[in-house]
Amino acid sequence: MSDFTSEFWNWYIILISLVSIIGCGIFLWMQSIHKPKSGAAETMSHIWDENLQEYNNPMPKWWMWLFYITIVFSLVYLALYPGLGRFPGVLGWTSAKQHADEVAAMDSKVGPTFDRYLKTDIKALAADKTAMETGQRLFLTYCMQCHGANAKGSKGFPDLTDTHWQYGGEPNQIKESIMEGRTGMMTPHPDLATAESRQKLDDLVSFVRSLSKSDVDPAAAARGKAIYAEMDCVTCHGPEAKGALSLGPDYAALGAPDLTAGVWLYGGTTEAIRNQIVNGSQNQMPSWKDFLGESKVHLLAAYVYSLSNKK
């Protein structure tokens, strides 16, 4: 309730809640004071099917007392817990505080285990079967939504089981990717989508596909190679199109993939590559350092490293 834009909404919530609850109590009381006249039962003059009548009898006492109990319970609840505008409740309970307490309690139980793993080298940890079983559970909880249960990825999400890495597959690089997250962007080139530039685009696509030994027109690929250099694609993918990692560690953060590997994040067909060049793309790998902490990320990095370094 802390996001109210004015004090009016705070009091609006308070009044409408209390008036509704108290109103139910008053209405119930008004119904309970009615007493039928002695003798013949009082009816409401509503008759169906010739002899079915509606009686004006009071509600059962047990039902009314249950209703009174729910009214009292709701008032006590609103006094103890947040529910009336900005009023935090006497107990000061919040869902955020409860979550933090539960996380702290769990960390106190499992923290020592993960801290022990933190002291172990990632490569050595990747060879520890027990540790990898725990690492797999972490992966299935936090990573499978994007990379899949088998870690083979899908369109837009890389396969973690092969040896092709956009940001590096060394233990420290994998850990950095998980800790800090990654932001990858392919610059769009909408100017190539025009009718005048269609041939230029097709030639560039032919060159890119030729890098992974695809069957293309050699003349078109040759023209595309010149276009590749002209459009300054070498800045990210390198002069030999082997990706940012081939340019040295200072360029690793670019994440530009190796175009000669035949591994395609968005598909390697002519249409898929054409769409990628024209429209570009932007991917976001979230940072997990604040949510998981370094010890869990360390174990998770060891598990991811083990996927492409099986012995």
Protein backbone atom coordinates (compact mmCIF):
# COMPACT_ATOMS: atom_id res chain seq x y z
CA MET A 1 0.00 0.00 0.00
CA SER A 2 3.04 2.29 0.06
CA ASP A 3 2.56 3.25 -3.57
CA PHE A 4 -0.58 5.38 -3.00
CA THR A 5 -0.34 8.62 -4.95
CA SER A 6 -2.32 10.61 -2.39
CA GLU A 7 -3.66 10.30 1.17
CA PHE A 8 -7.19 10.07 -0.24
CA TRP A 9 -6.69 6.47 -1.39
CA ASN A 10 -5.29 5.49 1.98
CA TRP A 11 -8.45 6.64 3.75
CA TYR A 12 -10.64 5.34 0.94
CA ILE A 13 -9.40 1.79 1.57
CA ILE A 14 -9.70 2.17 5.35
CA LEU A 15 -13.26 3.53 5.27
CA ILE A 16 -14.65 1.18 2.64
CA SER A 17 -13.21 -1.84 4.50
CA LEU A 18 -14.49 -0.84 7.95
CA VAL A 19 -17.89 0.38 6.74
CA SER A 20 -18.42 -2.87 4.84
CA ILE A 21 -17.58 -5.06 7.85
CA ILE A 22 -19.50 -2.98 10.39
CA GLY A 23 -22.41 -2.69 7.95
CA CYS A 24 -22.63 -6.48 7.76
CA GLY A 25 -22.78 -6.60 11.57
CA ILE A 26 -25.55 -3.96 11.75
CA PHE A 27 -27.56 -5.70 9.04
CA LEU A 28 -27.23 -9.02 10.88
CA TRP A 29 -28.34 -7.41 14.14
CA MET A 30 -31.38 -5.83 12.46
CA GLN A 31 -32.41 -9.21 11.13
CA SER A 32 -31.98 -10.89 14.52
CA ILE A 33 -34.27 -8.53 16.47
CA HIS A 34 -37.30 -9.44 14.39
CA LYS A 35 -39.62 -11.78 16.26
CA PRO A 36 -42.61 -13.46 14.61
CA LYS A 37 -46.03 -13.03 16.15
CA SER A 38 -47.21 -15.86 18.29
CA GLY A 39 -49.70 -18.20 16.75
CA ALA A 40 -49.80 -18.68 13.01
CA ALA A 41 -46.50 -18.46 11.16
CA GLU A 42 -45.91 -15.17 9.34
CA THR A 43 -45.57 -15.39 5.59
CA MET A 44 -44.29 -12.96 2.93
CA SER A 45 -47.40 -13.33 0.73
CA HIS A 46 -45.34 -15.06 -1.96
CA ILE A 47 -47.01 -18.20 -3.28
CA TRP A 48 -45.74 -20.63 -5.95
CA ASP A 49 -47.41 -23.67 -7.41
CA GLU A 50 -50.63 -22.90 -5.55
CA ASN A 51 -49.43 -23.77 -2.03
CA LEU A 52 -45.70 -23.11 -1.70
CA GLN A 53 -45.21 -20.07 0.58
CA GLU A 54 -42.24 -18.05 1.80
CA TYR A 55 -42.08 -17.81 5.60
CA ASN A 56 -40.64 -14.85 7.48
CA ASN A 57 -38.80 -16.85 10.14
CA PRO A 58 -35.67 -15.55 11.92
CA MET A 59 -32.31 -17.04 10.99
CA PRO A 60 -31.01 -19.90 13.19
CA LYS A 61 -29.08 -18.68 16.24
CA TRP A 62 -26.05 -20.86 15.46
CA TRP A 63 -25.81 -19.33 11.97
CA MET A 64 -25.98 -15.77 13.32
CA TRP A 65 -23.31 -16.41 15.95
CA LEU A 66 -21.00 -17.86 13.31
CA PHE A 67 -21.52 -14.71 11.27
CA TYR A 68 -20.75 -12.53 14.32
CA ILE A 69 -17.57 -14.54 14.91
CA THR A 70 -16.39 -13.93 11.33
CA ILE A 71 -17.00 -10.19 11.76
CA VAL A 72 -14.99 -10.07 14.99
CA PHE A 73 -12.27 -12.19 13.39
CA SER A 74 -11.98 -9.81 10.42
CA LEU A 75 -11.64 -6.77 12.70
CA VAL A 76 -8.97 -8.49 14.82
CA TYR A 77 -7.14 -9.57 11.66
CA LEU A 78 -7.09 -6.02 10.27
CA ALA A 79 -5.76 -4.78 13.61
CA LEU A 80 -2.90 -7.28 13.64
CA TYR A 81 -1.97 -7.44 9.94
CA PRO A 82 -1.75 -4.91 7.07
CA GLY A 83 -5.02 -4.41 5.23
CA LEU A 84 -6.21 -0.93 6.11
CA GLY A 85 -4.46 1.43 3.73
CA ARG A 86 -0.97 2.26 4.99
CA PHE A 87 -1.61 0.90 8.48
CA PRO A 88 1.04 -1.84 8.92
CA GLY A 89 -0.79 -3.76 11.62
CA VAL A 90 0.19 -4.16 15.25
CA LEU A 91 2.45 -7.15 14.47
CA GLY A 92 4.28 -5.30 11.68
CA TRP A 93 4.12 -8.36 9.41
CA THR A 94 5.09 -8.07 5.74
CA SER A 95 5.45 -10.73 3.06
CA ALA A 96 8.90 -9.36 2.22
CA LYS A 97 10.05 -9.75 5.83
CA GLN A 98 8.65 -13.26 6.05
CA HIS A 99 10.41 -14.22 2.81
CA ALA A 100 13.68 -12.72 4.06
CA ASP A 101 13.37 -14.61 7.35
CA GLU A 102 12.67 -17.89 5.56
CA VAL A 103 15.62 -17.36 3.21
CA ALA A 104 17.89 -16.54 6.16
CA ALA A 105 16.72 -19.65 8.02
CA MET A 106 17.38 -21.84 5.00
CA ASP A 107 20.76 -20.23 4.35
CA SER A 108 21.77 -20.95 7.93
CA LYS A 109 21.10 -24.65 7.27
CA VAL A 110 22.59 -25.09 3.80
CA GLY A 111 25.05 -22.20 3.81
CA PRO A 112 27.97 -24.18 5.29
CA THR A 113 27.65 -26.79 2.54
CA PHE A 114 27.79 -24.26 -0.27
CA ASP A 115 30.56 -22.31 1.48
CA ARG A 116 32.62 -25.50 1.52
CA TYR A 117 32.13 -25.84 -2.23
CA LEU A 118 33.20 -22.22 -2.70
CA LYS A 119 36.65 -23.08 -1.44
CA THR A 120 37.07 -25.77 -4.13
CA ASP A 121 38.41 -25.04 -7.60
CA ILE A 122 35.67 -25.17 -10.25
CA LYS A 123 37.42 -27.82 -12.35
CA ALA A 124 37.92 -30.03 -9.31
CA LEU A 125 34.34 -29.39 -8.23
CA ALA A 126 33.09 -30.44 -11.67
CA ALA A 127 34.61 -33.89 -11.03
CA ASP A 128 32.80 -34.29 -7.68
CA LYS A 129 29.73 -36.46 -8.35
CA THR A 130 27.91 -35.46 -5.16
CA ALA A 131 28.51 -31.76 -5.77
CA MET A 132 27.30 -32.09 -9.38
CA GLU A 133 24.04 -33.68 -8.23
CA THR A 134 23.42 -30.58 -6.14
CA GLY A 135 24.55 -28.37 -9.03
CA GLN A 136 22.09 -30.10 -11.33
CA ARG A 137 19.24 -29.38 -8.92
CA LEU A 138 20.23 -25.71 -8.93
CA PHE A 139 20.30 -25.73 -12.72
CA LEU A 140 16.86 -27.37 -12.97
CA THR A 141 15.46 -24.80 -10.56
CA TYR A 142 16.90 -21.60 -12.01
CA CYS A 143 18.24 -22.27 -15.52
CA MET A 144 16.13 -24.84 -17.33
CA GLN A 145 13.39 -22.33 -18.15
CA CYS A 146 15.68 -20.84 -20.82
CA HIS A 147 18.32 -23.47 -21.52
CA GLY A 148 16.11 -26.54 -21.15
CA ALA A 149 16.33 -29.46 -18.74
CA ASN A 150 19.04 -31.04 -20.91
CA ALA A 151 20.87 -27.67 -21.22
CA LYS A 152 20.76 -27.86 -25.02
CA GLY A 153 19.00 -24.51 -25.30
CA SER A 154 16.51 -23.38 -27.91
CA LYS A 155 16.04 -20.50 -30.31
CA GLY A 156 17.69 -17.48 -28.72
CA PHE A 157 19.15 -19.49 -25.83
CA PRO A 158 22.56 -21.15 -26.29
CA ASP A 159 23.38 -24.84 -25.98
CA LEU A 160 25.53 -25.29 -22.87
CA THR A 161 26.61 -28.83 -23.69
CA ASP A 162 28.84 -28.05 -26.69
CA THR A 163 32.21 -26.29 -26.85
CA HIS A 164 31.01 -23.13 -28.59
CA TRP A 165 30.95 -20.16 -26.22
CA GLN A 166 30.05 -16.56 -26.92
CA TYR A 167 31.61 -15.20 -23.73
CA GLY A 168 34.14 -17.92 -22.99
CA GLY A 169 33.93 -21.43 -21.60
CA GLU A 170 36.69 -21.24 -19.01
CA PRO A 171 35.56 -21.67 -15.38
CA ASN A 172 36.10 -18.02 -14.45
CA GLN A 173 34.27 -16.84 -17.59
CA ILE A 174 31.27 -19.09 -16.95
CA LYS A 175 31.11 -17.92 -13.34
CA GLU A 176 31.28 -14.29 -14.44
CA SER A 177 28.43 -14.85 -16.91
CA ILE A 178 26.22 -16.25 -14.16
CA MET A 179 27.28 -13.74 -11.52
CA GLU A 180 27.07 -10.56 -13.58
CA GLY A 181 24.72 -11.57 -16.40
CA ARG A 182 25.26 -10.76 -20.06
CA THR A 183 23.66 -8.40 -22.54
CA GLY A 184 24.10 -9.35 -26.19
CA MET A 185 22.99 -7.28 -29.15
CA MET A 186 23.12 -7.77 -32.89
CA THR A 187 22.87 -4.36 -34.56
CA PRO A 188 19.92 -4.21 -36.99
CA HIS A 189 20.46 -3.08 -40.59
CA PRO A 190 16.99 -2.12 -41.84
CA ASP A 191 18.56 -0.25 -44.79
CA LEU A 192 19.31 -3.65 -46.36
CA ALA A 193 15.60 -4.53 -46.42
CA THR A 194 14.88 -2.14 -49.30
CA ALA A 195 14.39 -3.39 -52.84
CA GLU A 196 17.53 -1.55 -53.97
CA SER A 197 19.66 -3.36 -51.38
CA ARG A 198 18.16 -6.84 -51.78
CA GLN A 199 21.07 -8.12 -53.87
CA LYS A 200 23.54 -6.73 -51.37
CA LEU A 201 21.73 -8.48 -48.53
CA ASP A 202 21.57 -11.79 -50.41
CA ASP A 203 25.29 -11.62 -51.15
CA LEU A 204 26.10 -10.96 -47.50
CA VAL A 205 23.92 -13.90 -46.44
CA SER A 206 25.68 -16.12 -48.98
CA PHE A 207 29.06 -15.15 -47.53
CA VAL A 208 27.94 -15.81 -43.95
CA ARG A 209 26.55 -19.21 -44.90
CA SER A 210 29.72 -20.08 -46.82
CA LEU A 211 31.74 -19.65 -43.62
CA SER A 212 30.15 -22.80 -42.22
CA LYS A 213 30.65 -24.76 -45.47
CA SER A 214 27.07 -24.32 -46.65
CA ASP A 215 26.42 -24.80 -50.36
CA VAL A 216 26.18 -21.29 -51.84
CA ASP A 217 27.01 -19.47 -55.07
CA PRO A 218 30.80 -18.76 -54.91
CA ALA A 219 30.43 -15.50 -56.84
CA ALA A 220 27.73 -14.25 -54.44
CA ALA A 221 29.86 -15.27 -51.45
CA ALA A 222 32.84 -13.39 -52.87
CA ARG A 223 30.76 -10.24 -53.25
CA GLY A 224 29.39 -10.77 -49.75
CA LYS A 225 32.90 -10.94 -48.29
CA ALA A 226 33.56 -7.41 -49.52
CA ILE A 227 30.24 -6.28 -48.06
CA TYR A 228 31.14 -7.94 -44.73
CA ALA A 229 34.24 -5.77 -44.52
CA GLU A 230 32.44 -2.69 -45.86
CA MET A 231 29.73 -2.86 -43.18
CA ASP A 232 32.37 -3.14 -40.47
CA CYS A 233 31.15 -6.56 -39.30
CA VAL A 234 34.77 -7.31 -38.42
CA THR A 235 34.48 -5.01 -35.39
CA CYS A 236 32.44 -7.61 -33.53
CA HIS A 237 32.93 -10.88 -35.39
CA GLY A 238 36.59 -10.37 -36.36
CA PRO A 239 38.30 -10.31 -39.79
CA GLU A 240 37.99 -14.08 -40.08
CA ALA A 241 34.47 -14.11 -38.63
CA LYS A 242 35.58 -16.30 -35.71
CA GLY A 243 33.77 -14.21 -33.13
CA ALA A 244 34.66 -11.75 -30.41
CA LEU A 245 36.68 -14.29 -28.42
CA SER A 246 39.14 -14.57 -31.32
CA LEU A 247 39.93 -10.86 -30.96
CA GLY A 248 41.28 -11.26 -27.44
CA PRO A 249 39.98 -11.09 -23.85
CA ASP A 250 39.22 -7.39 -24.10
CA TYR A 251 36.54 -8.15 -26.71
CA ALA A 252 34.92 -11.12 -24.94
CA ALA A 253 32.16 -8.97 -23.46
CA LEU A 254 30.83 -8.28 -26.97
CA GLY A 255 29.58 -11.86 -27.17
CA ALA A 256 29.65 -11.87 -30.97
CA PRO A 257 29.47 -15.54 -32.07
CA ASP A 258 31.87 -17.47 -34.28
CA LEU A 259 30.22 -17.49 -37.72
CA THR A 260 32.45 -20.31 -38.95
CA ALA A 261 31.30 -22.85 -36.35
CA GLY A 262 27.95 -23.70 -37.91
CA VAL A 263 26.18 -23.10 -34.59
CA TRP A 264 23.25 -20.73 -34.95
CA LEU A 265 21.38 -19.14 -32.08
CA TYR A 266 18.49 -18.05 -34.29
CA GLY A 267 18.79 -20.55 -37.13
CA GLY A 268 21.20 -21.04 -40.01
CA THR A 269 18.80 -20.98 -42.94
CA THR A 270 18.99 -18.25 -45.55
CA GLU A 271 15.79 -16.67 -44.27
CA ALA A 272 16.86 -16.85 -40.61
CA ILE A 273 20.24 -15.20 -41.29
CA ARG A 274 18.61 -12.57 -43.50
CA ASN A 275 16.14 -11.75 -40.73
CA GLN A 276 18.95 -11.54 -38.16
CA ILE A 277 20.94 -9.09 -40.28
CA VAL A 278 17.97 -6.85 -41.07
CA ASN A 279 16.19 -6.86 -37.70
CA GLY A 280 19.01 -7.62 -35.30
CA SER A 281 18.31 -9.01 -31.84
CA GLN A 282 18.93 -8.35 -28.18
CA ASN A 283 19.39 -11.00 -25.51
CA GLN A 284 19.61 -10.64 -21.76
CA MET A 285 21.21 -13.15 -19.43
CA PRO A 286 20.16 -12.08 -15.90
CA SER A 287 22.61 -11.56 -13.08
CA TRP A 288 22.29 -14.11 -10.28
CA LYS A 289 24.85 -12.84 -7.79
CA ASP A 290 22.33 -11.04 -5.57
CA PHE A 291 19.67 -13.76 -5.70
CA LEU A 292 21.84 -16.87 -5.34
CA GLY A 293 25.04 -15.55 -3.79
CA GLU A 294 28.58 -16.42 -4.84
CA SER A 295 28.74 -19.86 -3.22
CA LYS A 296 25.73 -21.21 -5.13
CA VAL A 297 26.85 -19.52 -8.35
CA HIS A 298 30.28 -21.14 -7.89
CA LEU A 299 28.67 -24.60 -7.74
CA LEU A 300 26.34 -23.80 -10.62
CA ALA A 301 29.30 -22.65 -12.74
CA ALA A 302 31.04 -25.96 -12.01
CA TYR A 303 27.96 -27.86 -13.18
CA VAL A 304 27.71 -25.84 -16.42
CA TYR A 305 31.45 -26.37 -16.99
CA SER A 306 30.98 -30.12 -16.53
CA LEU A 307 28.33 -30.24 -19.27
CA SER A 308 30.87 -29.48 -22.01
CA ASN A 309 33.88 -31.06 -20.34
CA LYS A 310 32.75 -34.62 -19.77
CA LYS A 311 35.47 -37.17 -19.12
